[in-house]
Structures are given as structure tokens and as C-alpha cells.
Amino acid sequence: MTLPAIDPARLEEECLADAEVLANLKENGDRPELVRPVDVSFRGTTEALVQLTDRAEEFGFEFIEIEEDEEGEPCLFLTRDQAADAASIKELTTTCLRIEQIFGVEYDGWGCELQDGKTE
């Protein structure tokens, strides 16, 4: 599959937002090199989200769920295991922006739990 080009301004905007999240994780003791589940979400029509769900593995993701947000719009949640360093998150964001274009959905961001290497 030929992957679509990404708007550089949009990627920069997303990376700036990502940098804030990464800084917050670091301030709280995160070790970004540690692999952990990283969740992403997309908004769109149910049909588009189901099509993405059917092909999520092609992009390295596993399905979590589709649920409605506060406004009743469907949201898709996917996950994959990866590190949370800046380069890994930029690759994640780039993939998600391509998914956005391929499936006609809206990328709504990522999240993960802090990993400090300490066992509970």
C-alpha cells in the first residue's frame, strides 16, 4: 500500500502537543525507553471506524473498543506496545495521521501509563 503524504504543519502541531505530554511523563519519573501499552483514539463514522478496526493489525495495533463520547459520537480505541521516547511517539503520530487520511477518520491523540521501572 502506498502511504499518503502528511501535512508537515499538522505533524508539527501534533508533535508539539506530544512534547508536552512527554515532558509531563518525564517530570513524574517516566523512563521513556520502557515498552508499555500506548493507546490511540480516532473519531469518525461507525462505518469508517469498523473498517479501521478490521485493518488495525496492518498498522501494528490491536482493537480495544468502540464507544460513544459525551456527544454520542463513536470513538475507536486501539493499542500497541512500544516505548514512549520522542522518536517512537513521532513515528506513532505519523502512522496515526496516515490512518486518518486512509480511512477518513480524525486522530484524537494517544496516552499511556507512566513507567518508572519499579515493580508494584
PDB file of N, CA and C in Angstrom:
ATOM      1  N   MET A   1       0.850  -1.174   0.000  1.00  0.00           N
ATOM      2  CA  MET A   1       0.000   0.000   0.000  1.00  0.00           C
ATOM      3  C   MET A   1       0.894   1.235   0.000  1.00  0.00           C
ATOM      4  N   THR A   2       0.580   2.186  -0.852  1.00  0.00           N
ATOM      5  CA  THR A   2       1.274   3.467  -0.861  1.00  0.00           C
ATOM      6  C   THR A   2       0.662   4.332   0.227  1.00  0.00           C
ATOM      7  N   LEU A   3       1.510   4.802   1.128  1.00  0.00           N
ATOM      8  CA  LEU A   3       1.007   5.607   2.232  1.00  0.00           C
ATOM      9  C   LEU A   3       0.922   7.066   1.819  1.00  0.00           C
ATOM     10  N   PRO A   4      -0.134   7.756   2.251  1.00  0.00           N
ATOM     11  CA  PRO A   4      -0.307   9.161   1.866  1.00  0.00           C
ATOM     12  C   PRO A   4       0.726  10.057   2.549  1.00  0.00           C
ATOM     13  N   ALA A   5       1.012  11.171   1.885  1.00  0.00           N
ATOM     14  CA  ALA A   5       1.891  12.181   2.475  1.00  0.00           C
ATOM     15  C   ALA A   5       1.151  12.862   3.619  1.00  0.00           C
ATOM     16  N   ILE A   6       1.921  13.383   4.532  1.00  0.00           N
ATOM     17  CA  ILE A   6       1.342  14.052   5.698  1.00  0.00           C
ATOM     18  C   ILE A   6       1.630  15.544   5.601  1.00  0.00           C
ATOM     19  N   ASP A   7       0.655  16.346   5.972  1.00  0.00           N
ATOM     20  CA  ASP A   7       0.839  17.795   6.023  1.00  0.00           C
ATOM     21  C   ASP A   7       1.886  18.108   7.091  1.00  0.00           C
ATOM     22  N   PRO A   8       3.031  18.683   6.707  1.00  0.00           N
ATOM     23  CA  PRO A   8       4.096  18.957   7.680  1.00  0.00           C
ATOM     24  C   PRO A   8       3.651  19.868   8.825  1.00  0.00           C
ATOM     25  N   ALA A   9       2.784  20.808   8.540  1.00  0.00           N
ATOM     26  CA  ALA A   9       2.297  21.715   9.594  1.00  0.00           C
ATOM     27  C   ALA A   9       1.462  20.946  10.609  1.00  0.00           C
ATOM     28  N   ARG A  10       0.650  20.029  10.141  1.00  0.00           N
ATOM     29  CA  ARG A  10      -0.173  19.220  11.049  1.00  0.00           C
ATOM     30  C   ARG A  10       0.705  18.314  11.899  1.00  0.00           C
ATOM     31  N   LEU A  11       1.709  17.713  11.290  1.00  0.00           N
ATOM     32  CA  LEU A  11       2.618  16.859  12.036  1.00  0.00           C
ATOM     33  C   LEU A  11       3.346  17.673  13.105  1.00  0.00           C
ATOM     34  N   GLU A  12       3.803  18.863  12.750  1.00  0.00           N
ATOM     35  CA  GLU A  12       4.497  19.716  13.721  1.00  0.00           C
ATOM     36  C   GLU A  12       3.568  20.077  14.880  1.00  0.00           C
ATOM     37  N   GLU A  13       2.324  20.393  14.572  1.00  0.00           N
ATOM     38  CA  GLU A  13       1.336  20.726  15.610  1.00  0.00           C
ATOM     39  C   GLU A  13       1.140  19.555  16.570  1.00  0.00           C
ATOM     40  N   GLU A  14       0.982  18.374  16.013  1.00  0.00           N
ATOM     41  CA  GLU A  14       0.799  17.183  16.844  1.00  0.00           C
ATOM     42  C   GLU A  14       2.057  16.891  17.669  1.00  0.00           C
ATOM     43  N   CYS A  15       3.230  17.050  17.069  1.00  0.00           N
ATOM     44  CA  CYS A  15       4.483  16.784  17.783  1.00  0.00           C
ATOM     45  C   CYS A  15       4.698  17.763  18.932  1.00  0.00           C
ATOM     46  N   LEU A  16       4.266  19.015  18.771  1.00  0.00           N
ATOM     47  CA  LEU A  16       4.353  19.979  19.874  1.00  0.00           C
ATOM     48  C   LEU A  16       3.471  19.537  21.038  1.00  0.00           C
ATOM     49  N   ALA A  17       2.269  19.075  20.730  1.00  0.00           N
ATOM     50  CA  ALA A  17       1.373  18.573  21.777  1.00  0.00           C
ATOM     51  C   ALA A  17       1.968  17.319  22.420  1.00  0.00           C
ATOM     52  N   ASP A  18       2.556  16.446  21.605  1.00  0.00           N
ATOM     53  CA  ASP A  18       3.192  15.236  22.124  1.00  0.00           C
ATOM     54  C   ASP A  18       4.333  15.596  23.072  1.00  0.00           C
ATOM     55  N   ALA A  19       5.109  16.613  22.725  1.00  0.00           N
ATOM     56  CA  ALA A  19       6.252  17.019  23.545  1.00  0.00           C
ATOM     57  C   ALA A  19       5.807  17.435  24.946  1.00  0.00           C
ATOM     58  N   GLU A  20       4.653  18.075  25.039  1.00  0.00           N
ATOM     59  CA  GLU A  20       4.116  18.467  26.350  1.00  0.00           C
ATOM     60  C   GLU A  20       3.781  17.240  27.188  1.00  0.00           C
ATOM     61  N   VAL A  21       3.158  16.249  26.574  1.00  0.00           N
ATOM     62  CA  VAL A  21       2.807  15.021  27.289  1.00  0.00           C
ATOM     63  C   VAL A  21       4.081  14.293  27.728  1.00  0.00           C
ATOM     64  N   LEU A  22       5.053  14.208  26.828  1.00  0.00           N
ATOM     65  CA  LEU A  22       6.308  13.534  27.155  1.00  0.00           C
ATOM     66  C   LEU A  22       7.054  14.247  28.282  1.00  0.00           C
ATOM     67  N   ALA A  23       7.032  15.580  28.277  1.00  0.00           N
ATOM     68  CA  ALA A  23       7.675  16.348  29.342  1.00  0.00           C
ATOM     69  C   ALA A  23       6.996  16.084  30.680  1.00  0.00           C
ATOM     70  N   ASN A  24       5.677  15.996  30.668  1.00  0.00           N
ATOM     71  CA  ASN A  24       4.923  15.709  31.889  1.00  0.00           C
ATOM     72  C   ASN A  24       5.269  14.318  32.417  1.00  0.00           C
ATOM     73  N   LEU A  25       5.345  13.346  31.525  1.00  0.00           N
ATOM     74  CA  LEU A  25       5.726  11.993  31.939  1.00  0.00           C
ATOM     75  C   LEU A  25       7.125  12.013  32.559  1.00  0.00           C
ATOM     76  N   LYS A  26       8.060  12.702  31.892  1.00  0.00           N
ATOM     77  CA  LYS A  26       9.441  12.757  32.383  1.00  0.00           C
ATOM     78  C   LYS A  26       9.519  13.406  33.764  1.00  0.00           C
ATOM     79  N   GLU A  27       8.791  14.498  33.953  1.00  0.00           N
ATOM     80  CA  GLU A  27       8.771  15.203  35.241  1.00  0.00           C
ATOM     81  C   GLU A  27       8.311  14.290  36.370  1.00  0.00           C
ATOM     82  N   ASN A  28       7.501  13.310  36.028  1.00  0.00           N
ATOM     83  CA  ASN A  28       6.951  12.400  37.025  1.00  0.00           C
ATOM     84  C   ASN A  28       7.724  11.084  37.134  1.00  0.00           C
ATOM     85  N   GLY A  29       8.919  11.033  36.507  1.00  0.00           N
ATOM     86  CA  GLY A  29       9.783   9.877  36.673  1.00  0.00           C
ATOM     87  C   GLY A  29       9.677   8.800  35.618  1.00  0.00           C
ATOM     88  N   ASP A  30       9.035   9.093  34.497  1.00  0.00           N
ATOM     89  CA  ASP A  30       8.905   8.078  33.447  1.00  0.00           C
ATOM     90  C   ASP A  30      10.261   7.742  32.837  1.00  0.00           C
ATOM     91  N   ARG A  31      10.423   6.463  32.517  1.00  0.00           N
ATOM     92  CA  ARG A  31      11.586   6.000  31.754  1.00  0.00           C
ATOM     93  C   ARG A  31      11.088   5.687  30.346  1.00  0.00           C
ATOM     94  N   PRO A  32      11.255   6.625  29.420  1.00  0.00           N
ATOM     95  CA  PRO A  32      10.635   6.507  28.099  1.00  0.00           C
ATOM     96  C   PRO A  32      11.072   5.314  27.278  1.00  0.00           C
ATOM     97  N   GLU A  33      12.247   4.742  27.586  1.00  0.00           N
ATOM     98  CA  GLU A  33      12.723   3.594  26.817  1.00  0.00           C
ATOM     99  C   GLU A  33      11.971   2.309  27.142  1.00  0.00           C
ATOM    100  N   LEU A  34      11.229   2.312  28.240  1.00  0.00           N
ATOM    101  CA  LEU A  34      10.498   1.107  28.633  1.00  0.00           C
ATOM    102  C   LEU A  34       9.257   0.923  27.757  1.00  0.00           C
ATOM    103  N   VAL A  35       9.121  -0.275  27.232  1.00  0.00           N
ATOM    104  CA  VAL A  35       7.977  -0.591  26.379  1.00  0.00           C
ATOM    105  C   VAL A  35       6.749  -0.760  27.263  1.00  0.00           C
ATOM    106  N   ARG A  36       5.639  -0.186  26.787  1.00  0.00           N
ATOM    107  CA  ARG A  36       4.372  -0.265  27.507  1.00  0.00           C
ATOM    108  C   ARG A  36       3.225  -0.121  26.504  1.00  0.00           C
ATOM    109  N   PRO A  37       1.986  -0.473  26.907  1.00  0.00           N
ATOM    110  CA  PRO A  37       0.851  -0.248  26.016  1.00  0.00           C
ATOM    111  C   PRO A  37       0.631   1.250  25.811  1.00  0.00           C
ATOM    112  N   VAL A  38       0.509   1.647  24.554  1.00  0.00           N
ATOM    113  CA  VAL A  38       0.188   3.024  24.205  1.00  0.00           C
ATOM    114  C   VAL A  38      -1.127   2.968  23.429  1.00  0.00           C
ATOM    115  N   ASP A  39      -2.125   3.678  23.947  1.00  0.00           N
ATOM    116  CA  ASP A  39      -3.449   3.690  23.331  1.00  0.00           C
ATOM    117  C   ASP A  39      -3.591   4.907  22.428  1.00  0.00           C
ATOM    118  N   VAL A  40      -4.315   4.741  21.338  1.00  0.00           N
ATOM    119  CA  VAL A  40      -4.657   5.850  20.453  1.00  0.00           C
ATOM    120  C   VAL A  40      -6.160   5.835  20.232  1.00  0.00           C
ATOM    121  N   SER A  41      -6.702   6.989  19.864  1.00  0.00           N
ATOM    122  CA  SER A  41      -8.140   7.042  19.596  1.00  0.00           C
ATOM    123  C   SER A  41      -8.410   7.813  18.311  1.00  0.00           C
ATOM    124  N   PHE A  42      -9.515   7.434  17.691  1.00  0.00           N
ATOM    125  CA  PHE A  42      -9.969   8.045  16.451  1.00  0.00           C
ATOM    126  C   PHE A  42     -11.468   8.294  16.550  1.00  0.00           C
ATOM    127  N   ARG A  43     -11.923   9.362  15.927  1.00  0.00           N
ATOM    128  CA  ARG A  43     -13.347   9.671  15.810  1.00  0.00           C
ATOM    129  C   ARG A  43     -13.736   9.548  14.339  1.00  0.00           C
ATOM    130  N   GLY A  44     -14.980   9.221  14.109  1.00  0.00           N
ATOM    131  CA  GLY A  44     -15.451   9.120  12.736  1.00  0.00           C
ATOM    132  C   GLY A  44     -16.789   8.419  12.694  1.00  0.00           C
ATOM    133  N   THR A  45     -17.202   8.100  11.486  1.00  0.00           N
ATOM    134  CA  THR A  45     -18.449   7.367  11.344  1.00  0.00           C
ATOM    135  C   THR A  45     -18.223   5.936  11.821  1.00  0.00           C
ATOM    136  N   THR A  46     -19.271   5.304  12.254  1.00  0.00           N
ATOM    137  CA  THR A  46     -19.162   3.917  12.691  1.00  0.00           C
ATOM    138  C   THR A  46     -18.589   3.060  11.574  1.00  0.00           C
ATOM    139  N   GLU A  47     -19.056   3.286  10.350  1.00  0.00           N
ATOM    140  CA  GLU A  47     -18.577   2.504   9.205  1.00  0.00           C
ATOM    141  C   GLU A  47     -17.065   2.663   9.023  1.00  0.00           C
ATOM    142  N   ALA A  48     -16.564   3.892   9.065  1.00  0.00           N
ATOM    143  CA  ALA A  48     -15.127   4.135   8.890  1.00  0.00           C
ATOM    144  C   ALA A  48     -14.323   3.522  10.030  1.00  0.00           C
ATOM    145  N   LEU A  49     -14.836   3.625  11.249  1.00  0.00           N
ATOM    146  CA  LEU A  49     -14.127   3.075  12.401  1.00  0.00           C
ATOM    147  C   LEU A  49     -14.079   1.551  12.352  1.00  0.00           C
ATOM    148  N   VAL A  50     -15.153   0.931  11.891  1.00  0.00           N
ATOM    149  CA  VAL A  50     -15.171  -0.530  11.751  1.00  0.00           C
ATOM    150  C   VAL A  50     -14.180  -0.963  10.674  1.00  0.00           C
ATOM    151  N   GLN A  51     -14.111  -0.217   9.571  1.00  0.00           N
ATOM    152  CA  GLN A  51     -13.130  -0.537   8.526  1.00  0.00           C
ATOM    153  C   GLN A  51     -11.713  -0.448   9.083  1.00  0.00           C
ATOM    154  N   LEU A  52     -11.443   0.579   9.886  1.00  0.00           N
ATOM    155  CA  LEU A  52     -10.132   0.709  10.512  1.00  0.00           C
ATOM    156  C   LEU A  52      -9.881  -0.443  11.479  1.00  0.00           C
ATOM    157  N   THR A  53     -10.873  -0.805  12.256  1.00  0.00           N
ATOM    158  CA  THR A  53     -10.742  -1.928  13.185  1.00  0.00           C
ATOM    159  C   THR A  53     -10.335  -3.197  12.444  1.00  0.00           C
ATOM    160  N   ASP A  54     -10.966  -3.437  11.307  1.00  0.00           N
ATOM    161  CA  ASP A  54     -10.682  -4.637  10.519  1.00  0.00           C
ATOM    162  C   ASP A  54      -9.246  -4.673  10.003  1.00  0.00           C
ATOM    163  N   ARG A  55      -8.614  -3.507   9.873  1.00  0.00           N
ATOM    164  CA  ARG A  55      -7.257  -3.441   9.316  1.00  0.00           C
ATOM    165  C   ARG A  55      -6.225  -2.930  10.321  1.00  0.00           C
ATOM    166  N   ALA A  56      -6.607  -2.792  11.570  1.00  0.00           N
ATOM    167  CA  ALA A  56      -5.727  -2.216  12.586  1.00  0.00           C
ATOM    168  C   ALA A  56      -4.394  -2.959  12.702  1.00  0.00           C
ATOM    169  N   GLU A  57      -4.427  -4.282  12.574  1.00  0.00           N
ATOM    170  CA  GLU A  57      -3.200  -5.074  12.707  1.00  0.00           C
ATOM    171  C   GLU A  57      -2.172  -4.710  11.648  1.00  0.00           C
ATOM    172  N   GLU A  58      -2.628  -4.273  10.466  1.00  0.00           N
ATOM    173  CA  GLU A  58      -1.704  -3.872   9.403  1.00  0.00           C
ATOM    174  C   GLU A  58      -0.817  -2.708   9.852  1.00  0.00           C
ATOM    175  N   PHE A  59      -1.306  -1.937  10.805  1.00  0.00           N
ATOM    176  CA  PHE A  59      -0.586  -0.763  11.298  1.00  0.00           C
ATOM    177  C   PHE A  59       0.035  -1.019  12.677  1.00  0.00           C
ATOM    178  N   GLY A  60      -0.018  -2.263  13.130  1.00  0.00           N
ATOM    179  CA  GLY A  60       0.607  -2.637  14.392  1.00  0.00           C
ATOM    180  C   GLY A  60      -0.258  -2.457  15.623  1.00  0.00           C
ATOM    181  N   PHE A  61      -1.562  -2.278  15.438  1.00  0.00           N
ATOM    182  CA  PHE A  61      -2.464  -2.029  16.563  1.00  0.00           C
ATOM    183  C   PHE A  61      -3.384  -3.206  16.843  1.00  0.00           C
ATOM    184  N   GLU A  62      -3.854  -3.249  18.085  1.00  0.00           N
ATOM    185  CA  GLU A  62      -4.896  -4.180  18.490  1.00  0.00           C
ATOM    186  C   GLU A  62      -6.121  -3.371  18.885  1.00  0.00           C
ATOM    187  N   PHE A  63      -7.282  -3.936  18.608  1.00  0.00           N
ATOM    188  CA  PHE A  63      -8.563  -3.304  18.938  1.00  0.00           C
ATOM    189  C   PHE A  63      -8.803  -3.347  20.444  1.00  0.00           C
ATOM    190  N   ILE A  64      -9.258  -2.220  20.991  1.00  0.00           N
ATOM    191  CA  ILE A  64      -9.723  -2.186  22.382  1.00  0.00           C
ATOM    192  C   ILE A  64     -11.245  -2.118  22.388  1.00  0.00           C
ATOM    193  N   GLU A  65     -11.798  -1.026  21.831  1.00  0.00           N
ATOM    194  CA  GLU A  65     -13.261  -0.885  21.811  1.00  0.00           C
ATOM    195  C   GLU A  65     -13.677   0.297  20.951  1.00  0.00           C
ATOM    196  N   ILE A  66     -14.958   0.298  20.605  1.00  0.00           N
ATOM    197  CA  ILE A  66     -15.615   1.475  20.034  1.00  0.00           C
ATOM    198  C   ILE A  66     -16.682   1.865  21.038  1.00  0.00           C
ATOM    199  N   GLU A  67     -16.663   3.127  21.456  1.00  0.00           N
ATOM    200  CA  GLU A  67     -17.677   3.611  22.389  1.00  0.00           C
ATOM    201  C   GLU A  67     -18.098   5.013  21.972  1.00  0.00           C
ATOM    202  N   GLU A  68     -19.212   5.457  22.500  1.00  0.00           N
ATOM    203  CA  GLU A  68     -19.686   6.800  22.200  1.00  0.00           C
ATOM    204  C   GLU A  68     -19.127   7.787  23.205  1.00  0.00           C
ATOM    205  N   ASP A  69     -18.760   8.988  22.701  1.00  0.00           N
ATOM    206  CA  ASP A  69     -18.298  10.039  23.601  1.00  0.00           C
ATOM    207  C   ASP A  69     -19.507  10.766  24.204  1.00  0.00           C
ATOM    208  N   GLU A  70     -19.234  11.854  24.911  1.00  0.00           N
ATOM    209  CA  GLU A  70     -20.312  12.598  25.590  1.00  0.00           C
ATOM    210  C   GLU A  70     -21.359  13.141  24.627  1.00  0.00           C
ATOM    211  N   GLU A  71     -20.941  13.421  23.386  1.00  0.00           N
ATOM    212  CA  GLU A  71     -21.879  13.939  22.379  1.00  0.00           C
ATOM    213  C   GLU A  71     -22.544  12.832  21.562  1.00  0.00           C
ATOM    214  N   GLY A  72     -22.262  11.590  21.906  1.00  0.00           N
ATOM    215  CA  GLY A  72     -22.858  10.464  21.191  1.00  0.00           C
ATOM    216  C   GLY A  72     -22.120  10.073  19.925  1.00  0.00           C
ATOM    217  N   GLU A  73     -20.916  10.647  19.705  1.00  0.00           N
ATOM    218  CA  GLU A  73     -20.125  10.302  18.527  1.00  0.00           C
ATOM    219  C   GLU A  73     -19.286   9.059  18.814  1.00  0.00           C
ATOM    220  N   PRO A  74     -19.180   8.157  17.819  1.00  0.00           N
ATOM    221  CA  PRO A  74     -18.372   6.955  18.039  1.00  0.00           C
ATOM    222  C   PRO A  74     -16.875   7.263  18.058  1.00  0.00           C
ATOM    223  N   CYS A  75     -16.173   6.620  18.979  1.00  0.00           N
ATOM    224  CA  CYS A  75     -14.719   6.741  19.116  1.00  0.00           C
ATOM    225  C   CYS A  75     -14.118   5.346  19.152  1.00  0.00           C
ATOM    226  N   LEU A  76     -13.042   5.168  18.412  1.00  0.00           N
ATOM    227  CA  LEU A  76     -12.340   3.895  18.357  1.00  0.00           C
ATOM    228  C   LEU A  76     -11.062   3.997  19.176  1.00  0.00           C
ATOM    229  N   PHE A  77     -10.805   2.990  19.985  1.00  0.00           N
ATOM    230  CA  PHE A  77      -9.590   2.923  20.788  1.00  0.00           C
ATOM    231  C   PHE A  77      -8.786   1.700  20.361  1.00  0.00           C
ATOM    232  N   LEU A  78      -7.516   1.949  20.035  1.00  0.00           N
ATOM    233  CA  LEU A  78      -6.582   0.904  19.638  1.00  0.00           C
ATOM    234  C   LEU A  78      -5.372   0.978  20.556  1.00  0.00           C
ATOM    235  N   THR A  79      -4.567  -0.072  20.589  1.00  0.00           N
ATOM    236  CA  THR A  79      -3.366  -0.073  21.411  1.00  0.00           C
ATOM    237  C   THR A  79      -2.248  -0.823  20.710  1.00  0.00           C
ATOM    238  N   ARG A  80      -1.023  -0.489  21.100  1.00  0.00           N
ATOM    239  CA  ARG A  80       0.147  -1.268  20.711  1.00  0.00           C
ATOM    240  C   ARG A  80       1.233  -1.055  21.756  1.00  0.00           C
ATOM    241  N   ASP A  81       2.090  -2.039  21.895  1.00  0.00           N
ATOM    242  CA  ASP A  81       3.191  -1.947  22.845  1.00  0.00           C
ATOM    243  C   ASP A  81       4.370  -1.266  22.174  1.00  0.00           C
ATOM    244  N   GLN A  82       4.911  -0.262  22.857  1.00  0.00           N
ATOM    245  CA  GLN A  82       6.065   0.459  22.329  1.00  0.00           C
ATOM    246  C   GLN A  82       6.668   1.328  23.414  1.00  0.00           C
ATOM    247  N   ALA A  83       7.843   1.878  23.125  1.00  0.00           N
ATOM    248  CA  ALA A  83       8.477   2.845  24.019  1.00  0.00           C
ATOM    249  C   ALA A  83       7.751   4.187  23.879  1.00  0.00           C
ATOM    250  N   ALA A  84       8.039   5.088  24.821  1.00  0.00           N
ATOM    251  CA  ALA A  84       7.404   6.411  24.785  1.00  0.00           C
ATOM    252  C   ALA A  84       8.450   7.515  24.717  1.00  0.00           C
ATOM    253  N   ASP A  85       9.539   7.248  23.998  1.00  0.00           N
ATOM    254  CA  ASP A  85      10.527   8.295  23.768  1.00  0.00           C
ATOM    255  C   ASP A  85      10.050   9.142  22.586  1.00  0.00           C
ATOM    256  N   ALA A  86      10.690  10.293  22.384  1.00  0.00           N
ATOM    257  CA  ALA A  86      10.231  11.239  21.365  1.00  0.00           C
ATOM    258  C   ALA A  86      10.193  10.628  19.965  1.00  0.00           C
ATOM    259  N   ALA A  87      11.217   9.869  19.597  1.00  0.00           N
ATOM    260  CA  ALA A  87      11.254   9.277  18.254  1.00  0.00           C
ATOM    261  C   ALA A  87      10.139   8.249  18.056  1.00  0.00           C
ATOM    262  N   SER A  88       9.903   7.416  19.071  1.00  0.00           N
ATOM    263  CA  SER A  88       8.845   6.401  18.970  1.00  0.00           C
ATOM    264  C   SER A  88       7.469   7.046  18.882  1.00  0.00           C
ATOM    265  N   ILE A  89       7.265   8.096  19.657  1.00  0.00           N
ATOM    266  CA  ILE A  89       5.965   8.775  19.633  1.00  0.00           C
ATOM    267  C   ILE A  89       5.768   9.529  18.317  1.00  0.00           C
ATOM    268  N   LYS A  90       6.839  10.092  17.764  1.00  0.00           N
ATOM    269  CA  LYS A  90       6.703  10.760  16.463  1.00  0.00           C
ATOM    270  C   LYS A  90       6.310   9.748  15.392  1.00  0.00           C
ATOM    271  N   GLU A  91       6.894   8.556  15.434  1.00  0.00           N
ATOM    272  CA  GLU A  91       6.525   7.516  14.479  1.00  0.00           C
ATOM    273  C   GLU A  91       5.067   7.104  14.670  1.00  0.00           C
ATOM    274  N   LEU A  92       4.633   6.992  15.921  1.00  0.00           N
ATOM    275  CA  LEU A  92       3.238   6.668  16.224  1.00  0.00           C
ATOM    276  C   LEU A  92       2.315   7.733  15.650  1.00  0.00           C
ATOM    277  N   THR A  93       2.634   8.993  15.904  1.00  0.00           N
ATOM    278  CA  THR A  93       1.803  10.101  15.424  1.00  0.00           C
ATOM    279  C   THR A  93       1.763  10.128  13.901  1.00  0.00           C
ATOM    280  N   THR A  94       2.896   9.900  13.267  1.00  0.00           N
ATOM    281  CA  THR A  94       2.944   9.864  11.802  1.00  0.00           C
ATOM    282  C   THR A  94       2.035   8.761  11.266  1.00  0.00           C
ATOM    283  N   THR A  95       2.107   7.587  11.867  1.00  0.00           N
ATOM    284  CA  THR A  95       1.243   6.473  11.462  1.00  0.00           C
ATOM    285  C   THR A  95      -0.221   6.844  11.633  1.00  0.00           C
ATOM    286  N   CYS A  96      -0.560   7.452  12.756  1.00  0.00           N
ATOM    287  CA  CYS A  96      -1.957   7.805  13.018  1.00  0.00           C
ATOM    288  C   CYS A  96      -2.473   8.882  12.060  1.00  0.00           C
ATOM    289  N   LEU A  97      -1.623   9.815  11.671  1.00  0.00           N
ATOM    290  CA  LEU A  97      -2.043  10.831  10.703  1.00  0.00           C
ATOM    291  C   LEU A  97      -2.249  10.214   9.323  1.00  0.00           C
ATOM    292  N   ARG A  98      -1.477   9.193   9.007  1.00  0.00           N
ATOM    293  CA  ARG A  98      -1.706   8.475   7.737  1.00  0.00           C
ATOM    294  C   ARG A  98      -3.007   7.684   7.806  1.00  0.00           C
ATOM    295  N   ILE A  99      -3.251   7.034   8.929  1.00  0.00           N
ATOM    296  CA  ILE A  99      -4.509   6.304   9.120  1.00  0.00           C
ATOM    297  C   ILE A  99      -5.687   7.258   8.949  1.00  0.00           C
ATOM    298  N   GLU A 100      -5.569   8.442   9.506  1.00  0.00           N
ATOM    299  CA  GLU A 100      -6.614   9.462   9.401  1.00  0.00           C
ATOM    300  C   GLU A 100      -6.985   9.697   7.938  1.00  0.00           C
ATOM    301  N   GLN A 101      -5.980   9.834   7.102  1.00  0.00           N
ATOM    302  CA  GLN A 101      -6.227  10.091   5.683  1.00  0.00           C
ATOM    303  C   GLN A 101      -6.772   8.869   4.957  1.00  0.00           C
ATOM    304  N   ILE A 102      -6.234   7.710   5.256  1.00  0.00           N
ATOM    305  CA  ILE A 102      -6.648   6.484   4.563  1.00  0.00           C
ATOM    306  C   ILE A 102      -8.108   6.152   4.845  1.00  0.00           C
ATOM    307  N   PHE A 103      -8.544   6.314   6.099  1.00  0.00           N
ATOM    308  CA  PHE A 103      -9.879   5.866   6.495  1.00  0.00           C
ATOM    309  C   PHE A 103     -10.903   6.987   6.651  1.00  0.00           C
ATOM    310  N   GLY A 104     -10.477   8.231   6.489  1.00  0.00           N
ATOM    311  CA  GLY A 104     -11.423   9.347   6.633  1.00  0.00           C
ATOM    312  C   GLY A 104     -11.916   9.499   8.059  1.00  0.00           C
ATOM    313  N   VAL A 105     -11.011   9.292   9.019  1.00  0.00           N
ATOM    314  CA  VAL A 105     -11.337   9.439  10.443  1.00  0.00           C
ATOM    315  C   VAL A 105     -10.497  10.584  11.008  1.00  0.00           C
ATOM    316  N   GLU A 106     -10.741  10.933  12.263  1.00  0.00           N
ATOM    317  CA  GLU A 106      -9.998  12.003  12.914  1.00  0.00           C
ATOM    318  C   GLU A 106      -9.165  11.424  14.057  1.00  0.00           C
ATOM    319  N   TYR A 107      -7.851  11.585  13.962  1.00  0.00           N
ATOM    320  CA  TYR A 107      -6.948  11.150  15.021  1.00  0.00           C
ATOM    321  C   TYR A 107      -7.185  12.035  16.232  1.00  0.00           C
ATOM    322  N   ASP A 108      -7.359  11.397  17.403  1.00  0.00           N
ATOM    323  CA  ASP A 108      -7.718  12.150  18.605  1.00  0.00           C
ATOM    324  C   ASP A 108      -6.664  12.051  19.700  1.00  0.00           C
ATOM    325  N   GLY A 109      -5.474  11.518  19.375  1.00  0.00           N
ATOM    326  CA  GLY A 109      -4.393  11.519  20.338  1.00  0.00           C
ATOM    327  C   GLY A 109      -4.048  10.153  20.899  1.00  0.00           C
ATOM    328  N   TRP A 110      -3.041  10.163  21.788  1.00  0.00           N
ATOM    329  CA  TRP A 110      -2.517   8.943  22.382  1.00  0.00           C
ATOM    330  C   TRP A 110      -2.394   9.134  23.886  1.00  0.00           C
ATOM    331  N   GLY A 111      -2.210   8.018  24.565  1.00  0.00           N
ATOM    332  CA  GLY A 111      -1.998   8.058  26.004  1.00  0.00           C
ATOM    333  C   GLY A 111      -1.339   6.775  26.468  1.00  0.00           C
ATOM    334  N   CYS A 112      -0.676   6.868  27.605  1.00  0.00           N
ATOM    335  CA  CYS A 112      -0.049   5.689  28.196  1.00  0.00           C
ATOM    336  C   CYS A 112       0.154   5.934  29.679  1.00  0.00           C
ATOM    337  N   GLU A 113       0.428   4.863  30.384  1.00  0.00           N
ATOM    338  CA  GLU A 113       0.732   4.986  31.801  1.00  0.00           C
ATOM    339  C   GLU A 113       2.224   5.202  31.979  1.00  0.00           C
ATOM    340  N   LEU A 114       2.558   5.956  32.984  1.00  0.00           N
ATOM    341  CA  LEU A 114       3.945   6.207  33.351  1.00  0.00           C
ATOM    342  C   LEU A 114       4.623   4.885  33.691  1.00  0.00           C
ATOM    343  N   GLN A 115       5.847   4.712  33.213  1.00  0.00           N
ATOM    344  CA  GLN A 115       6.642   3.523  33.540  1.00  0.00           C
ATOM    345  C   GLN A 115       7.950   3.994  34.142  1.00  0.00           C
ATOM    346  N   ASP A 116       8.169   3.663  35.406  1.00  0.00           N
ATOM    347  CA  ASP A 116       9.405   4.083  36.061  1.00  0.00           C
ATOM    348  C   ASP A 116      10.364   2.924  36.323  1.00  0.00           C
ATOM    349  N   GLY A 117       9.976   1.725  35.890  1.00  0.00           N
ATOM    350  CA  GLY A 117      10.830   0.557  36.057  1.00  0.00           C
ATOM    351  C   GLY A 117      10.710  -0.114  37.411  1.00  0.00           C
ATOM    352  N   LYS A 118       9.947   0.459  38.280  1.00  0.00           N
ATOM    353  CA  LYS A 118       9.752  -0.130  39.611  1.00  0.00           C
ATOM    354  C   LYS A 118       8.547  -1.052  39.571  1.00  0.00           C
ATOM    355  N   THR A 119       8.660  -2.194  40.199  1.00  0.00           N
ATOM    356  CA  THR A 119       7.518  -3.101  40.267  1.00  0.00           C
ATOM    357  C   THR A 119       6.631  -2.678  41.430  1.00  0.00           C
ATOM    358  N   GLU A 120       5.370  -2.930  41.271  1.00  0.00           N
ATOM    359  CA  GLU A 120       4.420  -2.528  42.313  1.00  0.00           C
ATOM    360  C   GLU A 120       4.311  -3.568  43.389  1.00  0.00           C
TER     361      GLU A 120
END
